[in-house]
């Protein structure tokens, strides 16, 4: 269950990080509440995963899922650049996450 909690926490991190764009500096109540809820839920599920996973591994994977997912969201939804170096860099981050899972 710990890995499930960690992946869920990472997906919620994508939600709050991407949602920050829509809060307009926390001036829009709806998106701001959604971001806050995602933040709290993400930290809650991260804390559950830490019951059985090493801190360094869990934290790195949590932030990696958030970083990769948010970058992909930015490219697909917000029209951010999709150049080869950017995509290759995301692949390297993903390879690092796999390495942490295997180790």
PDB file of N, CA and C in Angstrom:
ATOM      1  N   UNK A   1       0.819  -1.208   0.000  1.00  0.00           N
ATOM      2  CA  UNK A   1       0.000   0.000   0.000  1.00  0.00           C
ATOM      3  C   UNK A   1       0.859   1.267   0.000  1.00  0.00           C
ATOM      4  N   UNK A   2       2.064   1.179   0.550  1.00  0.00           N
ATOM      5  CA  UNK A   2       2.901   2.375   0.650  1.00  0.00           C
ATOM      6  C   UNK A   2       3.213   2.970  -0.718  1.00  0.00           C
ATOM      7  N   UNK A   3       3.479   2.113  -1.701  1.00  0.00           N
ATOM      8  CA  UNK A   3       3.769   2.622  -3.044  1.00  0.00           C
ATOM      9  C   UNK A   3       2.518   3.243  -3.664  1.00  0.00           C
ATOM     10  N   UNK A   4       1.375   2.668  -3.398  1.00  0.00           N
ATOM     11  CA  UNK A   4       0.120   3.248  -3.884  1.00  0.00           C
ATOM     12  C   UNK A   4      -0.078   4.646  -3.289  1.00  0.00           C
ATOM     13  N   UNK A   5       0.140   4.768  -1.978  1.00  0.00           N
ATOM     14  CA  UNK A   5       0.003   6.067  -1.327  1.00  0.00           C
ATOM     15  C   UNK A   5       0.990   7.079  -1.908  1.00  0.00           C
ATOM     16  N   UNK A   6       2.202   6.623  -2.171  1.00  0.00           N
ATOM     17  CA  UNK A   6       3.214   7.522  -2.707  1.00  0.00           C
ATOM     18  C   UNK A   6       2.848   8.005  -4.109  1.00  0.00           C
ATOM     19  N   UNK A   7       2.380   7.111  -4.947  1.00  0.00           N
ATOM     20  CA  UNK A   7       1.976   7.507  -6.305  1.00  0.00           C
ATOM     21  C   UNK A   7       0.781   8.455  -6.232  1.00  0.00           C
ATOM     22  N   UNK A   8      -0.182   8.161  -5.378  1.00  0.00           N
ATOM     23  CA  UNK A   8      -1.334   9.051  -5.211  1.00  0.00           C
ATOM     24  C   UNK A   8      -0.887  10.429  -4.722  1.00  0.00           C
ATOM     25  N   UNK A   9       0.039  10.451  -3.781  1.00  0.00           N
ATOM     26  CA  UNK A   9       0.570  11.726  -3.290  1.00  0.00           C
ATOM     27  C   UNK A   9       1.237  12.498  -4.423  1.00  0.00           C
ATOM     28  N   UNK A  10       1.980  11.811  -5.280  1.00  0.00           N
ATOM     29  CA  UNK A  10       2.626  12.462  -6.416  1.00  0.00           C
ATOM     30  C   UNK A  10       1.625  13.013  -7.410  1.00  0.00           C
ATOM     31  N   UNK A  11       0.556  12.271  -7.666  1.00  0.00           N
ATOM     32  CA  UNK A  11      -0.480  12.757  -8.579  1.00  0.00           C
ATOM     33  C   UNK A  11      -1.184  13.985  -8.012  1.00  0.00           C
ATOM     34  N   UNK A  12      -1.415  13.982  -6.712  1.00  0.00           N
ATOM     35  CA  UNK A  12      -2.017  15.153  -6.075  1.00  0.00           C
ATOM     36  C   UNK A  12      -1.060  16.338  -6.097  1.00  0.00           C
ATOM     37  N   UNK A  13       0.233  16.064  -6.051  1.00  0.00           N
ATOM     38  CA  UNK A  13       1.195  17.157  -6.167  1.00  0.00           C
ATOM     39  C   UNK A  13       1.111  17.799  -7.550  1.00  0.00           C
ATOM     40  N   UNK A  14       0.929  16.987  -8.576  1.00  0.00           N
ATOM     41  CA  UNK A  14       0.724  17.533  -9.915  1.00  0.00           C
ATOM     42  C   UNK A  14      -0.502  18.444  -9.910  1.00  0.00           C
ATOM     43  N   UNK A  15      -1.566  17.992  -9.255  1.00  0.00           N
ATOM     44  CA  UNK A  15      -2.793  18.780  -9.192  1.00  0.00           C
ATOM     45  C   UNK A  15      -2.599  20.137  -8.557  1.00  0.00           C
ATOM     46  N   UNK A  16      -1.893  20.181  -7.428  1.00  0.00           N
ATOM     47  CA  UNK A  16      -1.745  21.492  -6.786  1.00  0.00           C
ATOM     48  C   UNK A  16      -0.725  22.357  -7.496  1.00  0.00           C
ATOM     49  N   UNK A  17       0.328  21.754  -8.016  1.00  0.00           N
ATOM     50  CA  UNK A  17       1.332  22.564  -8.718  1.00  0.00           C
ATOM     51  C   UNK A  17       0.738  23.165  -9.996  1.00  0.00           C
ATOM     52  N   UNK A  18       0.017  22.355 -10.755  1.00  0.00           N
ATOM     53  CA  UNK A  18      -0.617  22.857 -11.974  1.00  0.00           C
ATOM     54  C   UNK A  18      -1.727  23.848 -11.629  1.00  0.00           C
ATOM     55  N   UNK A  19      -2.429  23.578 -10.551  1.00  0.00           N
ATOM     56  CA  UNK A  19      -3.524  24.457 -10.146  1.00  0.00           C
ATOM     57  C   UNK A  19      -3.084  25.843  -9.715  1.00  0.00           C
ATOM     58  N   UNK A  20      -1.829  25.974  -9.279  1.00  0.00           N
ATOM     59  CA  UNK A  20      -1.337  27.287  -8.871  1.00  0.00           C
ATOM     60  C   UNK A  20      -1.474  28.314  -9.992  1.00  0.00           C
ATOM     61  N   UNK A  21      -1.320  27.861 -11.223  1.00  0.00           N
ATOM     62  CA  UNK A  21      -1.422  28.757 -12.371  1.00  0.00           C
ATOM     63  C   UNK A  21      -2.806  29.419 -12.429  1.00  0.00           C
ATOM     64  N   UNK A  22      -3.814  28.697 -11.983  1.00  0.00           N
ATOM     65  CA  UNK A  22      -5.193  29.156 -12.103  1.00  0.00           C
ATOM     66  C   UNK A  22      -5.689  29.934 -10.883  1.00  0.00           C
ATOM     67  N   UNK A  23      -4.865  30.017  -9.825  1.00  0.00           N
ATOM     68  CA  UNK A  23      -5.275  30.783  -8.649  1.00  0.00           C
ATOM     69  C   UNK A  23      -5.047  32.278  -8.827  1.00  0.00           C
ATOM     70  N   UNK A  24      -4.225  32.642  -9.808  1.00  0.00           N
ATOM     71  CA  UNK A  24      -3.863  34.051 -10.046  1.00  0.00           C
ATOM     72  C   UNK A  24      -3.377  34.705  -8.757  1.00  0.00           C
ATOM     73  N   UNK A  25      -2.349  34.060  -8.170  1.00  0.00           N
ATOM     74  CA  UNK A  25      -1.781  34.613  -6.932  1.00  0.00           C
ATOM     75  C   UNK A  25      -2.696  34.452  -5.732  1.00  0.00           C
ATOM     76  N   UNK A  26      -3.466  33.386  -5.710  1.00  0.00           N
ATOM     77  CA  UNK A  26      -4.415  33.089  -4.624  1.00  0.00           C
ATOM     78  C   UNK A  26      -5.514  34.145  -4.516  1.00  0.00           C
ATOM     79  N   UNK A  27      -5.877  34.745  -5.637  1.00  0.00           N
ATOM     80  CA  UNK A  27      -6.958  35.736  -5.634  1.00  0.00           C
ATOM     81  C   UNK A  27      -8.288  35.151  -6.093  1.00  0.00           C
ATOM     82  N   UNK A  28      -8.276  33.920  -6.616  1.00  0.00           N
ATOM     83  CA  UNK A  28      -9.516  33.275  -7.056  1.00  0.00           C
ATOM     84  C   UNK A  28      -9.863  32.165  -6.060  1.00  0.00           C
ATOM     85  N   UNK A  29     -10.983  32.292  -5.356  1.00  0.00           N
ATOM     86  CA  UNK A  29     -11.302  31.372  -4.262  1.00  0.00           C
ATOM     87  C   UNK A  29     -11.421  29.905  -4.671  1.00  0.00           C
ATOM     88  N   UNK A  30     -12.117  29.617  -5.766  1.00  0.00           N
ATOM     89  CA  UNK A  30     -12.323  28.221  -6.164  1.00  0.00           C
ATOM     90  C   UNK A  30     -11.022  27.484  -6.419  1.00  0.00           C
ATOM     91  N   UNK A  31     -10.211  27.989  -7.337  1.00  0.00           N
ATOM     92  CA  UNK A  31      -8.933  27.319  -7.577  1.00  0.00           C
ATOM     93  C   UNK A  31      -8.024  27.307  -6.341  1.00  0.00           C
ATOM     94  N   UNK A  32      -8.091  28.346  -5.544  1.00  0.00           N
ATOM     95  CA  UNK A  32      -7.256  28.395  -4.342  1.00  0.00           C
ATOM     96  C   UNK A  32      -7.654  27.293  -3.364  1.00  0.00           C
ATOM     97  N   UNK A  33      -8.947  27.084  -3.174  1.00  0.00           N
ATOM     98  CA  UNK A  33      -9.406  26.002  -2.285  1.00  0.00           C
ATOM     99  C   UNK A  33      -9.017  24.634  -2.840  1.00  0.00           C
ATOM    100  N   UNK A  34      -9.142  24.467  -4.150  1.00  0.00           N
ATOM    101  CA  UNK A  34      -8.760  23.189  -4.777  1.00  0.00           C
ATOM    102  C   UNK A  34      -7.269  22.922  -4.597  1.00  0.00           C
ATOM    103  N   UNK A  35      -6.454  23.946  -4.783  1.00  0.00           N
ATOM    104  CA  UNK A  35      -5.010  23.804  -4.598  1.00  0.00           C
ATOM    105  C   UNK A  35      -4.702  23.440  -3.147  1.00  0.00           C
ATOM    106  N   UNK A  36      -5.328  24.128  -2.211  1.00  0.00           N
ATOM    107  CA  UNK A  36      -5.110  23.827  -0.800  1.00  0.00           C
ATOM    108  C   UNK A  36      -5.508  22.407  -0.439  1.00  0.00           C
ATOM    109  N   UNK A  37      -6.632  21.954  -0.969  1.00  0.00           N
ATOM    110  CA  UNK A  37      -7.078  20.584  -0.704  1.00  0.00           C
ATOM    111  C   UNK A  37      -6.103  19.570  -1.281  1.00  0.00           C
ATOM    112  N   UNK A  38      -5.628  19.826  -2.486  1.00  0.00           N
ATOM    113  CA  UNK A  38      -4.647  18.920  -3.100  1.00  0.00           C
ATOM    114  C   UNK A  38      -3.345  18.908  -2.311  1.00  0.00           C
ATOM    115  N   UNK A  39      -2.918  20.082  -1.833  1.00  0.00           N
ATOM    116  CA  UNK A  39      -1.697  20.139  -1.027  1.00  0.00           C
ATOM    117  C   UNK A  39      -1.818  19.289   0.236  1.00  0.00           C
ATOM    118  N   UNK A  40      -2.906  19.494   0.950  1.00  0.00           N
ATOM    119  CA  UNK A  40      -3.100  18.744   2.195  1.00  0.00           C
ATOM    120  C   UNK A  40      -3.209  17.249   1.941  1.00  0.00           C
ATOM    121  N   UNK A  41      -3.962  16.868   0.915  1.00  0.00           N
ATOM    122  CA  UNK A  41      -4.114  15.449   0.606  1.00  0.00           C
ATOM    123  C   UNK A  41      -2.785  14.844   0.166  1.00  0.00           C
ATOM    124  N   UNK A  42      -2.020  15.585  -0.623  1.00  0.00           N
ATOM    125  CA  UNK A  42      -0.728  15.097  -1.083  1.00  0.00           C
ATOM    126  C   UNK A  42       0.210  14.838   0.097  1.00  0.00           C
ATOM    127  N   UNK A  43       0.280  15.778   1.013  1.00  0.00           N
ATOM    128  CA  UNK A  43       1.134  15.597   2.188  1.00  0.00           C
ATOM    129  C   UNK A  43       0.634  14.464   3.076  1.00  0.00           C
ATOM    130  N   UNK A  44      -0.665  14.315   3.180  1.00  0.00           N
ATOM    131  CA  UNK A  44      -1.229  13.227   3.984  1.00  0.00           C
ATOM    132  C   UNK A  44      -0.821  11.867   3.412  1.00  0.00           C
ATOM    133  N   UNK A  45      -0.988  11.691   2.101  1.00  0.00           N
ATOM    134  CA  UNK A  45      -0.642  10.403   1.507  1.00  0.00           C
ATOM    135  C   UNK A  45       0.869  10.177   1.492  1.00  0.00           C
ATOM    136  N   UNK A  46       1.650  11.242   1.363  1.00  0.00           N
ATOM    137  CA  UNK A  46       3.104  11.103   1.491  1.00  0.00           C
ATOM    138  C   UNK A  46       3.443  10.605   2.892  1.00  0.00           C
ATOM    139  N   UNK A  47       2.796  11.162   3.899  1.00  0.00           N
ATOM    140  CA  UNK A  47       3.076  10.738   5.271  1.00  0.00           C
ATOM    141  C   UNK A  47       2.695   9.279   5.494  1.00  0.00           C
ATOM    142  N   UNK A  48       1.615   8.832   4.868  1.00  0.00           N
ATOM    143  CA  UNK A  48       1.245   7.419   4.985  1.00  0.00           C
ATOM    144  C   UNK A  48       2.288   6.520   4.338  1.00  0.00           C
ATOM    145  N   UNK A  49       2.818   6.953   3.205  1.00  0.00           N
ATOM    146  CA  UNK A  49       3.817   6.131   2.518  1.00  0.00           C
ATOM    147  C   UNK A  49       5.103   6.027   3.335  1.00  0.00           C
ATOM    148  N   UNK A  50       5.383   7.048   4.132  1.00  0.00           N
ATOM    149  CA  UNK A  50       6.617   7.050   4.915  1.00  0.00           C
ATOM    150  C   UNK A  50       6.594   6.066   6.077  1.00  0.00           C
ATOM    151  N   UNK A  51       5.463   5.457   6.331  1.00  0.00           N
ATOM    152  CA  UNK A  51       5.403   4.435   7.378  1.00  0.00           C
ATOM    153  C   UNK A  51       6.297   3.250   7.039  1.00  0.00           C
ATOM    154  N   UNK A  52       6.447   2.969   5.725  1.00  0.00           N
ATOM    155  CA  UNK A  52       7.196   1.777   5.321  1.00  0.00           C
ATOM    156  C   UNK A  52       8.283   2.039   4.290  1.00  0.00           C
ATOM    157  N   UNK A  53       8.353   3.233   3.757  1.00  0.00           N
ATOM    158  CA  UNK A  53       9.364   3.545   2.748  1.00  0.00           C
ATOM    159  C   UNK A  53      10.422   4.474   3.333  1.00  0.00           C
ATOM    160  N   UNK A  54      11.661   4.354   2.859  1.00  0.00           N
ATOM    161  CA  UNK A  54      12.701   5.280   3.325  1.00  0.00           C
ATOM    162  C   UNK A  54      12.379   6.718   2.921  1.00  0.00           C
ATOM    163  N   UNK A  55      12.684   7.654   3.791  1.00  0.00           N
ATOM    164  CA  UNK A  55      12.374   9.062   3.554  1.00  0.00           C
ATOM    165  C   UNK A  55      12.984   9.575   2.251  1.00  0.00           C
ATOM    166  N   UNK A  56      14.268   9.341   2.050  1.00  0.00           N
ATOM    167  CA  UNK A  56      14.939   9.859   0.858  1.00  0.00           C
ATOM    168  C   UNK A  56      14.325   9.343  -0.426  1.00  0.00           C
ATOM    169  N   UNK A  57      14.023   8.070  -0.461  1.00  0.00           N
ATOM    170  CA  UNK A  57      13.414   7.471  -1.643  1.00  0.00           C
ATOM    171  C   UNK A  57      12.017   8.027  -1.876  1.00  0.00           C
ATOM    172  N   UNK A  58      11.198   8.033  -0.840  1.00  0.00           N
ATOM    173  CA  UNK A  58       9.814   8.503  -0.985  1.00  0.00           C
ATOM    174  C   UNK A  58       9.768   9.967  -1.397  1.00  0.00           C
ATOM    175  N   UNK A  59      10.578  10.798  -0.763  1.00  0.00           N
ATOM    176  CA  UNK A  59      10.542  12.227  -1.073  1.00  0.00           C
ATOM    177  C   UNK A  59      11.008  12.480  -2.506  1.00  0.00           C
ATOM    178  N   UNK A  60      12.069  11.812  -2.921  1.00  0.00           N
ATOM    179  CA  UNK A  60      12.575  11.994  -4.283  1.00  0.00           C
ATOM    180  C   UNK A  60      11.554  11.535  -5.319  1.00  0.00           C
ATOM    181  N   UNK A  61      10.899  10.424  -5.070  1.00  0.00           N
ATOM    182  CA  UNK A  61       9.896   9.936  -6.025  1.00  0.00           C
ATOM    183  C   UNK A  61       8.673  10.850  -6.023  1.00  0.00           C
ATOM    184  N   UNK A  62       8.261  11.311  -4.863  1.00  0.00           N
ATOM    185  CA  UNK A  62       7.122  12.237  -4.765  1.00  0.00           C
ATOM    186  C   UNK A  62       7.389  13.507  -5.569  1.00  0.00           C
ATOM    187  N   UNK A  63       8.541  14.113  -5.349  1.00  0.00           N
ATOM    188  CA  UNK A  63       8.854  15.335  -6.085  1.00  0.00           C
ATOM    189  C   UNK A  63       9.093  15.058  -7.561  1.00  0.00           C
ATOM    190  N   UNK A  64       9.646  13.893  -7.882  1.00  0.00           N
ATOM    191  CA  UNK A  64       9.864  13.543  -9.283  1.00  0.00           C
ATOM    192  C   UNK A  64       8.562  13.369 -10.042  1.00  0.00           C
ATOM    193  N   UNK A  65       7.614  12.680  -9.434  1.00  0.00           N
ATOM    194  CA  UNK A  65       6.299  12.527 -10.066  1.00  0.00           C
ATOM    195  C   UNK A  65       5.680  13.906 -10.287  1.00  0.00           C
ATOM    196  N   UNK A  66       5.775  14.753  -9.279  1.00  0.00           N
ATOM    197  CA  UNK A  66       5.223  16.101  -9.394  1.00  0.00           C
ATOM    198  C   UNK A  66       5.910  16.911 -10.475  1.00  0.00           C
ATOM    199  N   UNK A  67       7.235  16.830 -10.537  1.00  0.00           N
ATOM    200  CA  UNK A  67       7.983  17.607 -11.527  1.00  0.00           C
ATOM    201  C   UNK A  67       7.689  17.138 -12.948  1.00  0.00           C
ATOM    202  N   UNK A  68       7.736  15.842 -13.159  1.00  0.00           N
ATOM    203  CA  UNK A  68       7.469  15.300 -14.500  1.00  0.00           C
ATOM    204  C   UNK A  68       6.025  15.580 -14.898  1.00  0.00           C
ATOM    205  N   UNK A  69       5.100  15.295 -14.012  1.00  0.00           N
ATOM    206  CA  UNK A  69       3.686  15.494 -14.324  1.00  0.00           C
ATOM    207  C   UNK A  69       3.331  16.942 -14.578  1.00  0.00           C
ATOM    208  N   UNK A  70       3.902  17.837 -13.792  1.00  0.00           N
ATOM    209  CA  UNK A  70       3.621  19.257 -13.979  1.00  0.00           C
ATOM    210  C   UNK A  70       4.222  19.761 -15.285  1.00  0.00           C
ATOM    211  N   UNK A  71       5.413  19.301 -15.620  1.00  0.00           N
ATOM    212  CA  UNK A  71       6.030  19.695 -16.891  1.00  0.00           C
ATOM    213  C   UNK A  71       5.205  19.193 -18.072  1.00  0.00           C
ATOM    214  N   UNK A  72       4.722  17.963 -17.992  1.00  0.00           N
ATOM    215  CA  UNK A  72       3.889  17.417 -19.070  1.00  0.00           C
ATOM    216  C   UNK A  72       2.574  18.190 -19.166  1.00  0.00           C
ATOM    217  N   UNK A  73       1.980  18.488 -18.023  1.00  0.00           N
ATOM    218  CA  UNK A  73       0.757  19.300 -18.012  1.00  0.00           C
ATOM    219  C   UNK A  73       1.005  20.640 -18.694  1.00  0.00           C
ATOM    220  N   UNK A  74       2.094  21.271 -18.360  1.00  0.00           N
ATOM    221  CA  UNK A  74       2.430  22.553 -18.969  1.00  0.00           C
ATOM    222  C   UNK A  74       2.580  22.465 -20.479  1.00  0.00           C
ATOM    223  N   UNK A  75       3.186  21.379 -20.942  1.00  0.00           N
ATOM    224  CA  UNK A  75       3.372  21.214 -22.388  1.00  0.00           C
ATOM    225  C   UNK A  75       2.050  20.940 -23.097  1.00  0.00           C
ATOM    226  N   UNK A  76       1.236  20.055 -22.531  1.00  0.00           N
ATOM    227  CA  UNK A  76      -0.004  19.652 -23.203  1.00  0.00           C
ATOM    228  C   UNK A  76      -1.119  20.672 -23.062  1.00  0.00           C
ATOM    229  N   UNK A  77      -1.264  21.234 -21.886  1.00  0.00           N
ATOM    230  CA  UNK A  77      -2.410  22.102 -21.620  1.00  0.00           C
ATOM    231  C   UNK A  77      -2.081  23.590 -21.800  1.00  0.00           C
ATOM    232  N   UNK A  78      -0.895  23.992 -21.379  1.00  0.00           N
ATOM    233  CA  UNK A  78      -0.558  25.408 -21.384  1.00  0.00           C
ATOM    234  C   UNK A  78       0.300  25.833 -22.580  1.00  0.00           C
ATOM    235  N   UNK A  79       0.618  24.882 -23.437  1.00  0.00           N
ATOM    236  CA  UNK A  79       1.372  25.215 -24.640  1.00  0.00           C
ATOM    237  C   UNK A  79       2.834  25.556 -24.399  1.00  0.00           C
ATOM    238  N   UNK A  80       3.411  25.045 -23.334  1.00  0.00           N
ATOM    239  CA  UNK A  80       4.824  25.293 -23.067  1.00  0.00           C
ATOM    240  C   UNK A  80       5.687  24.529 -24.066  1.00  0.00           C
ATOM    241  N   UNK A  81       6.952  24.921 -24.232  1.00  0.00           N
ATOM    242  CA  UNK A  81       7.816  24.294 -25.246  1.00  0.00           C
ATOM    243  C   UNK A  81       7.959  22.786 -25.057  1.00  0.00           C
ATOM    244  N   UNK A  82       8.091  22.084 -26.194  1.00  0.00           N
ATOM    245  CA  UNK A  82       8.252  20.615 -26.199  1.00  0.00           C
ATOM    246  C   UNK A  82       9.526  20.220 -26.926  1.00  0.00           C
ATOM    247  N   UNK A  83      10.569  20.968 -26.770  1.00  0.00           N
ATOM    248  CA  UNK A  83      11.785  20.679 -27.526  1.00  0.00           C
ATOM    249  C   UNK A  83      12.459  19.402 -27.025  1.00  0.00           C
ATOM    250  N   UNK A  84      13.371  18.878 -27.836  1.00  0.00           N
ATOM    251  CA  UNK A  84      13.998  17.585 -27.573  1.00  0.00           C
ATOM    252  C   UNK A  84      14.782  17.585 -26.268  1.00  0.00           C
ATOM    253  N   UNK A  85      15.506  18.632 -25.967  1.00  0.00           N
ATOM    254  CA  UNK A  85      16.294  18.676 -24.736  1.00  0.00           C
ATOM    255  C   UNK A  85      15.399  18.628 -23.511  1.00  0.00           C
ATOM    256  N   UNK A  86      14.302  19.323 -23.572  1.00  0.00           N
ATOM    257  CA  UNK A  86      13.350  19.316 -22.447  1.00  0.00           C
ATOM    258  C   UNK A  86      12.784  17.911 -22.235  1.00  0.00           C
ATOM    259  N   UNK A  87      12.367  17.265 -23.308  1.00  0.00           N
ATOM    260  CA  UNK A  87      11.817  15.906 -23.207  1.00  0.00           C
ATOM    261  C   UNK A  87      12.875  14.914 -22.742  1.00  0.00           C
ATOM    262  N   UNK A  88      14.097  15.048 -23.254  1.00  0.00           N
ATOM    263  CA  UNK A  88      15.185  14.157 -22.826  1.00  0.00           C
ATOM    264  C   UNK A  88      15.480  14.343 -21.340  1.00  0.00           C
ATOM    265  N   UNK A  89      15.427  15.570 -20.870  1.00  0.00           N
ATOM    266  CA  UNK A  89      15.663  15.839 -19.450  1.00  0.00           C
ATOM    267  C   UNK A  89      14.594  15.188 -18.580  1.00  0.00           C
ATOM    268  N   UNK A  90      13.348  15.240 -19.027  1.00  0.00           N
ATOM    269  CA  UNK A  90      12.272  14.568 -18.287  1.00  0.00           C
ATOM    270  C   UNK A  90      12.491  13.059 -18.264  1.00  0.00           C
ATOM    271  N   UNK A  91      12.980  12.514 -19.365  1.00  0.00           N
ATOM    272  CA  UNK A  91      13.284  11.077 -19.410  1.00  0.00           C
ATOM    273  C   UNK A  91      14.384  10.721 -18.412  1.00  0.00           C
ATOM    274  N   UNK A  92      15.368  11.590 -18.257  1.00  0.00           N
ATOM    275  CA  UNK A  92      16.427  11.342 -17.279  1.00  0.00           C
ATOM    276  C   UNK A  92      15.876  11.354 -15.852  1.00  0.00           C
ATOM    277  N   UNK A  93      14.984  12.280 -15.571  1.00  0.00           N
ATOM    278  CA  UNK A  93      14.357  12.307 -14.241  1.00  0.00           C
ATOM    279  C   UNK A  93      13.587  11.008 -14.019  1.00  0.00           C
ATOM    280  N   UNK A  94      12.850  10.579 -15.046  1.00  0.00           N
ATOM    281  CA  UNK A  94      12.085   9.329 -14.935  1.00  0.00           C
ATOM    282  C   UNK A  94      13.011   8.142 -14.711  1.00  0.00           C
ATOM    283  N   UNK A  95      14.118   8.110 -15.412  1.00  0.00           N
ATOM    284  CA  UNK A  95      15.095   7.021 -15.216  1.00  0.00           C
ATOM    285  C   UNK A  95      15.614   7.026 -13.789  1.00  0.00           C
ATOM    286  N   UNK A  96      15.823   8.196 -13.221  1.00  0.00           N
ATOM    287  CA  UNK A  96      16.258   8.285 -11.824  1.00  0.00           C
ATOM    288  C   UNK A  96      15.205   7.746 -10.872  1.00  0.00           C
ATOM    289  N   UNK A  97      13.943   8.007 -11.151  1.00  0.00           N
ATOM    290  CA  UNK A  97      12.870   7.481 -10.306  1.00  0.00           C
ATOM    291  C   UNK A  97      12.824   5.963 -10.354  1.00  0.00           C
ATOM    292  N   UNK A  98      12.979   5.421 -11.553  1.00  0.00           N
ATOM    293  CA  UNK A  98      12.994   3.962 -11.695  1.00  0.00           C
ATOM    294  C   UNK A  98      14.186   3.385 -10.917  1.00  0.00           C
ATOM    295  N   UNK A  99      15.330   4.054 -11.021  1.00  0.00           N
ATOM    296  CA  UNK A  99      16.509   3.597 -10.277  1.00  0.00           C
ATOM    297  C   UNK A  99      16.269   3.588  -8.785  1.00  0.00           C
ATOM    298  N   UNK A 100      15.605   4.596  -8.271  1.00  0.00           N
ATOM    299  CA  UNK A 100      15.301   4.630  -6.837  1.00  0.00           C
ATOM    300  C   UNK A 100      14.341   3.519  -6.441  1.00  0.00           C
ATOM    301  N   UNK A 101      13.396   3.214  -7.292  1.00  0.00           N
ATOM    302  CA  UNK A 101      12.430   2.146  -7.001  1.00  0.00           C
ATOM    303  C   UNK A 101      13.127   0.794  -6.987  1.00  0.00           C
ATOM    304  N   UNK A 102      14.037   0.599  -7.922  1.00  0.00           N
ATOM    305  CA  UNK A 102      14.734  -0.700  -8.048  1.00  0.00           C
ATOM    306  C   UNK A 102      15.749  -0.892  -6.926  1.00  0.00           C
ATOM    307  N   UNK A 103      16.384   0.201  -6.511  1.00  0.00           N
ATOM    308  CA  UNK A 103      17.477   0.099  -5.516  1.00  0.00           C
ATOM    309  C   UNK A 103      16.966  -0.343  -4.155  1.00  0.00           C
TER     310      UNK A 103
END
